[in-house]
Amino acid sequence: MTLLPLTAAHWPAVRAIYAEGMATGTATFATEPPSWEAWDTSHLPTCRLVAADASGTVLGWVALSPVSSRCVYAGVAEVSVYVAAAARGRGVGLALMQALVTESEENGLWTLQAGIFPENAASLRLHEAVGFRQVGRRERIGQLRGVWHDTLLLERRSAVVGTSNPVLA
């Protein structure tokens, strides 16, 4: 498995994997994948990765979205991670998330957050494996196909970025 920057050329495979995740009913409130243009503008330009096998088949992807346009939250981003159904349970998600943590810190991000359906045990385990912790539960935060769902709010604070306050003059 090789990790590569996610580009527009990967979009057909990334979109298909995203649609597989949507079909589970436990990955996202979205019901249709967006266009490349919409996806591209809603995610940070850095910290976008795909995992590919030796033949170049995309096995999974990870990317970050800003949580706010306010400058005080410039170092906080929300994680999206999806693994192809055929590649689940093979370490793809873990490799992507480990690389994402490293790249996010290289890009000055101090907090990564994720909103995960409580039923998505695999995603919860994956996030916890790379240092995320549950900080809350958002009850009935959104509807998917007319049914209210909770999400668990998880976050990972960097041990490298944002660990000290600047000295005030």
N, C-alpha and C. Protein backbone atom coordinates (compact mmCIF):
# COMPACT_ATOMS: atom_id res chain seq x y z
N MET A 1 0.85 -1.18 0.00
CA MET A 1 0.00 0.00 0.00
C MET A 1 0.89 1.23 0.00
N THR A 2 0.46 2.21 -0.82
CA THR A 2 1.17 3.47 -0.95
C THR A 2 0.21 4.60 -0.62
N LEU A 3 0.69 5.60 0.11
CA LEU A 3 -0.11 6.79 0.38
C LEU A 3 0.34 7.90 -0.55
N LEU A 4 -0.65 8.53 -1.18
CA LEU A 4 -0.39 9.58 -2.17
C LEU A 4 -1.28 10.78 -1.88
N PRO A 5 -0.85 11.97 -2.32
CA PRO A 5 -1.74 13.12 -2.21
C PRO A 5 -3.00 12.88 -3.05
N LEU A 6 -4.16 13.21 -2.49
CA LEU A 6 -5.44 13.06 -3.20
C LEU A 6 -5.56 14.21 -4.19
N THR A 7 -5.78 13.85 -5.45
CA THR A 7 -5.93 14.85 -6.52
C THR A 7 -7.25 14.62 -7.26
N ALA A 8 -7.56 15.54 -8.15
CA ALA A 8 -8.77 15.42 -8.97
C ALA A 8 -8.78 14.11 -9.75
N ALA A 9 -7.63 13.61 -10.12
CA ALA A 9 -7.56 12.35 -10.87
C ALA A 9 -8.08 11.18 -10.05
N HIS A 10 -7.99 11.27 -8.73
CA HIS A 10 -8.49 10.21 -7.86
C HIS A 10 -9.99 10.30 -7.61
N TRP A 11 -10.62 11.43 -7.99
CA TRP A 11 -11.99 11.68 -7.60
C TRP A 11 -12.97 10.56 -7.95
N PRO A 12 -12.94 9.97 -9.13
CA PRO A 12 -13.91 8.90 -9.40
C PRO A 12 -13.85 7.77 -8.36
N ALA A 13 -12.66 7.35 -7.98
CA ALA A 13 -12.51 6.29 -6.98
C ALA A 13 -12.88 6.79 -5.60
N VAL A 14 -12.46 8.01 -5.25
CA VAL A 14 -12.79 8.60 -3.95
C VAL A 14 -14.30 8.74 -3.83
N ARG A 15 -14.94 9.21 -4.89
CA ARG A 15 -16.40 9.38 -4.88
C ARG A 15 -17.10 8.04 -4.68
N ALA A 16 -16.62 7.00 -5.33
CA ALA A 16 -17.22 5.67 -5.19
C ALA A 16 -17.07 5.15 -3.76
N ILE A 17 -15.91 5.35 -3.17
CA ILE A 17 -15.69 4.92 -1.78
C ILE A 17 -16.57 5.73 -0.83
N TYR A 18 -16.70 7.00 -1.09
CA TYR A 18 -17.58 7.86 -0.30
C TYR A 18 -19.02 7.35 -0.38
N ALA A 19 -19.46 7.01 -1.58
CA ALA A 19 -20.82 6.48 -1.77
C ALA A 19 -21.01 5.16 -1.02
N GLU A 20 -19.99 4.31 -1.00
CA GLU A 20 -20.08 3.06 -0.22
C GLU A 20 -20.27 3.37 1.27
N GLY A 21 -19.55 4.35 1.76
CA GLY A 21 -19.70 4.75 3.15
C GLY A 21 -21.09 5.29 3.43
N MET A 22 -21.60 6.11 2.52
CA MET A 22 -22.96 6.64 2.67
C MET A 22 -23.98 5.53 2.74
N ALA A 23 -23.77 4.50 1.93
CA ALA A 23 -24.73 3.40 1.86
C ALA A 23 -24.85 2.64 3.18
N THR A 24 -23.84 2.72 4.03
CA THR A 24 -23.91 2.01 5.32
C THR A 24 -24.93 2.64 6.25
N GLY A 25 -25.22 3.93 6.06
CA GLY A 25 -26.13 4.64 6.94
C GLY A 25 -25.54 5.01 8.28
N THR A 26 -24.25 4.74 8.49
CA THR A 26 -23.61 5.07 9.77
C THR A 26 -22.34 5.91 9.60
N ALA A 27 -22.13 6.46 8.41
CA ALA A 27 -20.88 7.18 8.16
C ALA A 27 -21.07 8.69 8.04
N THR A 28 -22.22 9.15 7.56
CA THR A 28 -22.40 10.56 7.28
C THR A 28 -23.89 10.87 7.14
N PHE A 29 -24.22 12.12 7.32
CA PHE A 29 -25.59 12.56 7.06
C PHE A 29 -25.82 12.80 5.57
N ALA A 30 -24.75 12.93 4.81
CA ALA A 30 -24.87 13.15 3.36
C ALA A 30 -25.50 11.91 2.71
N THR A 31 -26.27 12.14 1.68
CA THR A 31 -26.91 11.02 0.98
C THR A 31 -26.44 10.87 -0.46
N GLU A 32 -25.74 11.87 -0.99
CA GLU A 32 -25.19 11.84 -2.33
C GLU A 32 -23.81 12.47 -2.32
N PRO A 33 -22.83 11.84 -2.98
CA PRO A 33 -21.52 12.50 -3.05
C PRO A 33 -21.61 13.79 -3.86
N PRO A 34 -20.85 14.80 -3.46
CA PRO A 34 -20.86 16.07 -4.19
C PRO A 34 -20.05 15.96 -5.48
N SER A 35 -20.06 17.02 -6.25
CA SER A 35 -19.17 17.11 -7.40
C SER A 35 -17.74 17.30 -6.90
N TRP A 36 -16.76 17.06 -7.76
CA TRP A 36 -15.37 17.31 -7.39
C TRP A 36 -15.21 18.77 -6.96
N GLU A 37 -15.77 19.68 -7.70
CA GLU A 37 -15.61 21.10 -7.41
C GLU A 37 -16.14 21.45 -6.02
N ALA A 38 -17.31 20.94 -5.68
CA ALA A 38 -17.89 21.21 -4.35
C ALA A 38 -17.05 20.57 -3.25
N TRP A 39 -16.61 19.34 -3.48
CA TRP A 39 -15.79 18.66 -2.49
C TRP A 39 -14.47 19.41 -2.31
N ASP A 40 -13.84 19.77 -3.41
CA ASP A 40 -12.54 20.43 -3.39
C ASP A 40 -12.59 21.75 -2.62
N THR A 41 -13.63 22.53 -2.82
CA THR A 41 -13.70 23.83 -2.14
C THR A 41 -14.09 23.70 -0.67
N SER A 42 -14.66 22.58 -0.27
CA SER A 42 -15.07 22.43 1.13
C SER A 42 -14.02 21.74 1.99
N HIS A 43 -12.90 21.34 1.40
CA HIS A 43 -11.83 20.68 2.15
C HIS A 43 -10.55 21.50 2.07
N LEU A 44 -9.72 21.38 3.09
CA LEU A 44 -8.44 22.08 3.10
C LEU A 44 -7.59 21.59 1.92
N PRO A 45 -6.76 22.46 1.35
CA PRO A 45 -5.93 22.05 0.21
C PRO A 45 -4.78 21.11 0.61
N THR A 46 -4.46 21.07 1.90
CA THR A 46 -3.43 20.16 2.38
C THR A 46 -4.10 18.99 3.10
N CYS A 47 -3.32 18.03 3.49
CA CYS A 47 -3.81 16.91 4.31
C CYS A 47 -4.90 16.11 3.60
N ARG A 48 -4.72 15.85 2.33
CA ARG A 48 -5.62 15.03 1.52
C ARG A 48 -4.81 13.85 1.02
N LEU A 49 -5.21 12.67 1.40
CA LEU A 49 -4.43 11.49 1.03
C LEU A 49 -5.33 10.37 0.53
N VAL A 50 -4.77 9.56 -0.37
CA VAL A 50 -5.39 8.29 -0.75
C VAL A 50 -4.41 7.18 -0.45
N ALA A 51 -4.95 6.01 -0.17
CA ALA A 51 -4.14 4.79 -0.06
C ALA A 51 -4.42 3.98 -1.32
N ALA A 52 -3.38 3.52 -1.97
CA ALA A 52 -3.53 2.75 -3.21
C ALA A 52 -2.74 1.45 -3.10
N ASP A 53 -3.26 0.42 -3.74
CA ASP A 53 -2.52 -0.85 -3.75
C ASP A 53 -1.49 -0.82 -4.87
N ALA A 54 -0.78 -1.92 -5.05
CA ALA A 54 0.30 -1.98 -6.03
C ALA A 54 -0.18 -1.73 -7.46
N SER A 55 -1.44 -2.03 -7.74
CA SER A 55 -1.97 -1.81 -9.09
C SER A 55 -2.52 -0.40 -9.28
N GLY A 56 -2.52 0.41 -8.20
CA GLY A 56 -3.01 1.77 -8.29
C GLY A 56 -4.47 1.93 -7.89
N THR A 57 -5.11 0.84 -7.50
CA THR A 57 -6.49 0.91 -7.05
C THR A 57 -6.57 1.66 -5.73
N VAL A 58 -7.45 2.65 -5.66
CA VAL A 58 -7.61 3.44 -4.44
C VAL A 58 -8.39 2.60 -3.42
N LEU A 59 -7.80 2.45 -2.25
CA LEU A 59 -8.38 1.64 -1.17
C LEU A 59 -9.11 2.47 -0.13
N GLY A 60 -8.75 3.74 -0.04
CA GLY A 60 -9.36 4.62 0.96
C GLY A 60 -8.82 6.02 0.81
N TRP A 61 -9.44 6.93 1.56
CA TRP A 61 -9.00 8.33 1.50
C TRP A 61 -9.27 9.02 2.83
N VAL A 62 -8.58 10.12 3.02
CA VAL A 62 -8.73 10.95 4.21
C VAL A 62 -8.51 12.40 3.80
N ALA A 63 -9.27 13.30 4.44
CA ALA A 63 -9.13 14.73 4.15
C ALA A 63 -9.65 15.51 5.34
N LEU A 64 -9.35 16.80 5.34
CA LEU A 64 -9.77 17.69 6.43
C LEU A 64 -10.62 18.83 5.89
N SER A 65 -11.59 19.22 6.70
CA SER A 65 -12.42 20.40 6.41
C SER A 65 -12.21 21.41 7.53
N PRO A 66 -12.23 22.70 7.19
CA PRO A 66 -12.14 23.70 8.26
C PRO A 66 -13.41 23.64 9.11
N VAL A 67 -13.28 23.91 10.41
CA VAL A 67 -14.46 23.93 11.27
C VAL A 67 -15.06 25.33 11.38
N SER A 68 -14.30 26.35 11.00
CA SER A 68 -14.77 27.72 11.10
C SER A 68 -13.91 28.60 10.21
N SER A 69 -14.48 29.72 9.78
CA SER A 69 -13.70 30.71 9.03
C SER A 69 -13.03 31.72 9.96
N ARG A 70 -13.34 31.65 11.25
CA ARG A 70 -12.73 32.57 12.22
C ARG A 70 -11.26 32.21 12.41
N CYS A 71 -10.41 33.23 12.45
CA CYS A 71 -8.96 33.01 12.51
C CYS A 71 -8.53 32.25 13.76
N VAL A 72 -9.25 32.38 14.87
CA VAL A 72 -8.85 31.69 16.09
C VAL A 72 -8.97 30.17 15.96
N TYR A 73 -9.73 29.70 14.97
CA TYR A 73 -9.89 28.26 14.74
C TYR A 73 -9.10 27.77 13.54
N ALA A 74 -8.12 28.54 13.10
CA ALA A 74 -7.35 28.18 11.91
C ALA A 74 -6.60 26.86 12.08
N GLY A 75 -6.32 26.46 13.31
CA GLY A 75 -5.60 25.23 13.57
C GLY A 75 -6.48 24.06 13.94
N VAL A 76 -7.79 24.18 13.66
CA VAL A 76 -8.74 23.13 14.00
C VAL A 76 -9.42 22.66 12.71
N ALA A 77 -9.47 21.36 12.52
CA ALA A 77 -10.08 20.81 11.30
C ALA A 77 -10.85 19.54 11.62
N GLU A 78 -11.82 19.25 10.77
CA GLU A 78 -12.64 18.05 10.93
C GLU A 78 -12.19 16.97 9.95
N VAL A 79 -12.11 15.76 10.46
CA VAL A 79 -11.60 14.61 9.70
C VAL A 79 -12.72 13.92 8.93
N SER A 80 -12.42 13.54 7.70
CA SER A 80 -13.23 12.60 6.92
C SER A 80 -12.30 11.47 6.54
N VAL A 81 -12.69 10.23 6.85
CA VAL A 81 -11.89 9.07 6.47
C VAL A 81 -12.83 7.97 6.00
N TYR A 82 -12.54 7.43 4.84
CA TYR A 82 -13.38 6.39 4.24
C TYR A 82 -12.49 5.31 3.64
N VAL A 83 -12.88 4.07 3.85
CA VAL A 83 -12.14 2.92 3.31
C VAL A 83 -13.10 2.10 2.44
N ALA A 84 -12.62 1.68 1.29
CA ALA A 84 -13.44 0.86 0.39
C ALA A 84 -13.90 -0.40 1.12
N ALA A 85 -15.12 -0.82 0.84
CA ALA A 85 -15.68 -2.00 1.52
C ALA A 85 -14.76 -3.20 1.38
N ALA A 86 -14.18 -3.40 0.22
CA ALA A 86 -13.32 -4.56 -0.01
C ALA A 86 -11.99 -4.48 0.71
N ALA A 87 -11.63 -3.29 1.20
CA ALA A 87 -10.32 -3.10 1.86
C ALA A 87 -10.44 -2.93 3.37
N ARG A 88 -11.64 -2.98 3.91
CA ARG A 88 -11.81 -2.77 5.34
C ARG A 88 -11.19 -3.91 6.15
N GLY A 89 -10.63 -3.53 7.31
CA GLY A 89 -10.01 -4.52 8.19
C GLY A 89 -8.59 -4.88 7.80
N ARG A 90 -7.99 -4.15 6.88
CA ARG A 90 -6.63 -4.45 6.41
C ARG A 90 -5.61 -3.39 6.78
N GLY A 91 -5.98 -2.47 7.67
CA GLY A 91 -5.03 -1.45 8.12
C GLY A 91 -4.98 -0.21 7.25
N VAL A 92 -5.85 -0.11 6.27
CA VAL A 92 -5.86 1.05 5.38
C VAL A 92 -6.22 2.32 6.15
N GLY A 93 -7.29 2.25 6.92
CA GLY A 93 -7.71 3.41 7.69
C GLY A 93 -6.65 3.87 8.68
N LEU A 94 -6.01 2.92 9.35
CA LEU A 94 -4.98 3.27 10.32
C LEU A 94 -3.80 3.96 9.63
N ALA A 95 -3.36 3.43 8.50
CA ALA A 95 -2.25 4.06 7.77
C ALA A 95 -2.61 5.47 7.34
N LEU A 96 -3.83 5.65 6.84
CA LEU A 96 -4.27 6.98 6.43
C LEU A 96 -4.33 7.94 7.60
N MET A 97 -4.89 7.49 8.71
CA MET A 97 -5.03 8.36 9.87
C MET A 97 -3.68 8.72 10.50
N GLN A 98 -2.76 7.77 10.56
CA GLN A 98 -1.43 8.07 11.09
C GLN A 98 -0.73 9.11 10.23
N ALA A 99 -0.84 8.95 8.92
CA ALA A 99 -0.23 9.92 8.01
C ALA A 99 -0.92 11.28 8.12
N LEU A 100 -2.23 11.27 8.28
CA LEU A 100 -2.98 12.52 8.43
C LEU A 100 -2.53 13.28 9.67
N VAL A 101 -2.36 12.59 10.77
CA VAL A 101 -1.92 13.24 12.00
C VAL A 101 -0.57 13.92 11.77
N THR A 102 0.36 13.21 11.16
CA THR A 102 1.69 13.77 10.89
C THR A 102 1.59 14.98 9.98
N GLU A 103 0.85 14.84 8.88
CA GLU A 103 0.74 15.94 7.92
C GLU A 103 0.00 17.14 8.52
N SER A 104 -1.01 16.86 9.33
CA SER A 104 -1.75 17.98 9.94
C SER A 104 -0.83 18.80 10.86
N GLU A 105 0.01 18.12 11.61
CA GLU A 105 0.94 18.84 12.49
C GLU A 105 1.98 19.60 11.68
N GLU A 106 2.43 19.02 10.57
CA GLU A 106 3.37 19.72 9.70
C GLU A 106 2.75 20.98 9.11
N ASN A 107 1.42 21.01 9.05
CA ASN A 107 0.70 22.16 8.51
C ASN A 107 0.12 23.06 9.60
N GLY A 108 0.59 22.89 10.84
CA GLY A 108 0.24 23.80 11.92
C GLY A 108 -1.12 23.59 12.56
N LEU A 109 -1.73 22.44 12.36
CA LEU A 109 -3.02 22.17 12.98
C LEU A 109 -2.82 21.61 14.38
N TRP A 110 -3.55 22.15 15.35
CA TRP A 110 -3.39 21.70 16.73
C TRP A 110 -4.54 20.82 17.21
N THR A 111 -5.68 20.86 16.54
CA THR A 111 -6.79 20.01 16.94
C THR A 111 -7.46 19.41 15.72
N LEU A 112 -7.65 18.11 15.77
CA LEU A 112 -8.47 17.41 14.77
C LEU A 112 -9.72 16.95 15.49
N GLN A 113 -10.86 17.10 14.85
CA GLN A 113 -12.10 16.64 15.46
C GLN A 113 -12.87 15.77 14.48
N ALA A 114 -13.77 14.98 15.03
CA ALA A 114 -14.61 14.11 14.21
C ALA A 114 -15.96 13.95 14.89
N GLY A 115 -17.00 13.96 14.09
CA GLY A 115 -18.35 13.65 14.57
C GLY A 115 -18.71 12.28 14.02
N ILE A 116 -18.91 11.31 14.90
CA ILE A 116 -19.10 9.92 14.47
C ILE A 116 -20.40 9.38 15.04
N PHE A 117 -21.17 8.69 14.22
CA PHE A 117 -22.38 8.04 14.70
C PHE A 117 -21.98 6.99 15.74
N PRO A 118 -22.68 6.91 16.87
CA PRO A 118 -22.33 5.93 17.91
C PRO A 118 -22.33 4.49 17.39
N GLU A 119 -23.12 4.22 16.36
CA GLU A 119 -23.20 2.87 15.80
C GLU A 119 -21.97 2.49 14.97
N ASN A 120 -21.15 3.47 14.62
CA ASN A 120 -19.99 3.21 13.76
C ASN A 120 -18.78 2.82 14.62
N ALA A 121 -18.85 1.61 15.17
CA ALA A 121 -17.81 1.13 16.09
C ALA A 121 -16.43 1.09 15.45
N ALA A 122 -16.34 0.73 14.18
CA ALA A 122 -15.04 0.65 13.52
C ALA A 122 -14.38 2.03 13.44
N SER A 123 -15.16 3.04 13.11
CA SER A 123 -14.60 4.39 13.03
C SER A 123 -14.19 4.90 14.41
N LEU A 124 -14.99 4.60 15.41
CA LEU A 124 -14.62 5.00 16.78
C LEU A 124 -13.29 4.36 17.19
N ARG A 125 -13.14 3.06 16.93
CA ARG A 125 -11.88 2.37 17.27
C ARG A 125 -10.71 2.96 16.51
N LEU A 126 -10.91 3.26 15.23
CA LEU A 126 -9.85 3.83 14.40
C LEU A 126 -9.39 5.17 14.96
N HIS A 127 -10.32 6.04 15.24
CA HIS A 127 -9.95 7.36 15.78
C HIS A 127 -9.25 7.24 17.14
N GLU A 128 -9.76 6.38 17.99
CA GLU A 128 -9.12 6.18 19.30
C GLU A 128 -7.71 5.63 19.15
N ALA A 129 -7.47 4.81 18.14
CA ALA A 129 -6.15 4.22 17.92
C ALA A 129 -5.08 5.26 17.59
N VAL A 130 -5.51 6.43 17.09
CA VAL A 130 -4.53 7.48 16.77
C VAL A 130 -4.64 8.67 17.72
N GLY A 131 -5.23 8.43 18.89
CA GLY A 131 -5.18 9.43 19.94
C GLY A 131 -6.40 10.31 20.11
N PHE A 132 -7.48 10.04 19.41
CA PHE A 132 -8.70 10.81 19.63
C PHE A 132 -9.36 10.36 20.92
N ARG A 133 -10.09 11.28 21.56
CA ARG A 133 -10.86 10.95 22.74
C ARG A 133 -12.25 11.55 22.59
N GLN A 134 -13.22 10.89 23.18
CA GLN A 134 -14.58 11.40 23.13
C GLN A 134 -14.72 12.58 24.07
N VAL A 135 -15.25 13.70 23.57
CA VAL A 135 -15.43 14.88 24.40
C VAL A 135 -16.91 15.24 24.56
N GLY A 136 -17.78 14.53 23.88
CA GLY A 136 -19.19 14.82 24.04
C GLY A 136 -20.08 14.00 23.13
N ARG A 137 -21.36 14.13 23.39
CA ARG A 137 -22.38 13.49 22.56
C ARG A 137 -23.37 14.57 22.15
N ARG A 138 -23.61 14.67 20.88
CA ARG A 138 -24.57 15.63 20.35
C ARG A 138 -25.84 14.86 20.03
N GLU A 139 -26.86 15.07 20.84
CA GLU A 139 -28.10 14.31 20.72
C GLU A 139 -29.00 14.89 19.64
N ARG A 140 -29.55 13.98 18.84
CA ARG A 140 -30.49 14.36 17.78
C ARG A 140 -29.96 15.57 17.00
N ILE A 141 -28.70 15.50 16.58
CA ILE A 141 -28.05 16.63 15.93
C ILE A 141 -28.47 16.76 14.47
N GLY A 142 -28.92 15.68 13.87
CA GLY A 142 -29.32 15.74 12.46
C GLY A 142 -30.18 14.56 12.07
N GLN A 143 -30.83 14.71 10.93
CA GLN A 143 -31.67 13.63 10.42
C GLN A 143 -31.05 13.02 9.18
N LEU A 144 -31.16 11.72 9.08
CA LEU A 144 -30.76 10.98 7.90
C LEU A 144 -31.98 10.19 7.47
N ARG A 145 -32.47 10.52 6.29
CA ARG A 145 -33.67 9.87 5.75
C ARG A 145 -34.84 9.91 6.75
N GLY A 146 -35.01 11.06 7.39
CA GLY A 146 -36.13 11.27 8.29
C GLY A 146 -35.97 10.73 9.70
N VAL A 147 -34.81 10.17 10.02
CA VAL A 147 -34.56 9.61 11.34
C VAL A 147 -33.48 10.44 12.04
N TRP A 148 -33.79 10.88 13.27
CA TRP A 148 -32.82 11.64 14.05
C TRP A 148 -31.68 10.74 14.49
N HIS A 149 -30.46 11.32 14.49
CA HIS A 149 -29.27 10.58 14.93
C HIS A 149 -28.43 11.44 15.86
N ASP A 150 -27.78 10.78 16.80
CA ASP A 150 -26.77 11.40 17.64
C ASP A 150 -25.43 11.28 16.93
N THR A 151 -24.49 12.12 17.34
CA THR A 151 -23.09 11.90 16.97
C THR A 151 -22.24 12.04 18.22
N LEU A 152 -21.15 11.33 18.23
CA LEU A 152 -20.15 11.47 19.28
C LEU A 152 -19.10 12.43 18.75
N LEU A 153 -18.73 13.40 19.57
CA LEU A 153 -17.70 14.36 19.18
C LEU A 153 -16.37 13.88 19.76
N LEU A 154 -15.43 13.63 18.87
CA LEU A 154 -14.09 13.20 19.27
C LEU A 154 -13.10 14.26 18.85
N GLU A 155 -12.01 14.37 19.60
CA GLU A 155 -10.95 15.30 19.21
C GLU A 155 -9.59 14.71 19.56
N ARG A 156 -8.61 15.19 18.82
CA ARG A 156 -7.21 14.85 19.08
C ARG A 156 -6.44 16.15 19.15
N ARG A 157 -5.83 16.39 20.29
CA ARG A 157 -4.97 17.56 20.47
C ARG A 157 -3.54 17.16 20.16
N SER A 158 -2.87 17.98 19.38
CA SER A 158 -1.48 17.73 19.05
C SER A 158 -0.60 17.89 20.28
N ALA A 159 0.38 17.03 20.39
CA ALA A 159 1.40 17.18 21.44
C ALA A 159 2.57 18.01 20.92
N VAL A 160 2.50 18.44 19.67
CA VAL A 160 3.59 19.17 19.03
C VAL A 160 3.19 20.61 18.71
N VAL A 161 1.99 20.80 18.16
CA VAL A 161 1.54 22.12 17.73
C VAL A 161 0.60 22.70 18.78
N GLY A 162 0.81 23.98 19.10
CA GLY A 162 -0.09 24.66 20.02
C GLY A 162 0.05 24.22 21.46
N THR A 163 1.26 23.82 21.84
CA THR A 163 1.45 23.31 23.21
C THR A 163 1.86 24.38 24.20
N SER A 164 2.18 25.56 23.71
CA SER A 164 2.57 26.62 24.66
C SER A 164 1.94 27.94 24.22
N ASN A 165 1.76 28.81 25.18
CA ASN A 165 1.24 30.15 24.89
C ASN A 165 2.40 31.07 24.56
N PRO A 166 2.22 31.95 23.58
CA PRO A 166 3.30 32.90 23.31
C PRO A 166 3.47 33.88 24.46
N VAL A 167 4.67 34.33 24.64
CA VAL A 167 4.95 35.30 25.70
C VAL A 167 4.42 36.65 25.25
N LEU A 168 3.62 37.26 26.12
CA LEU A 168 3.07 38.59 25.79
C LEU A 168 4.09 39.65 26.14
N ALA A 169 4.26 40.62 25.28
CA ALA A 169 5.22 41.71 25.50
C ALA A 169 4.59 42.82 26.30
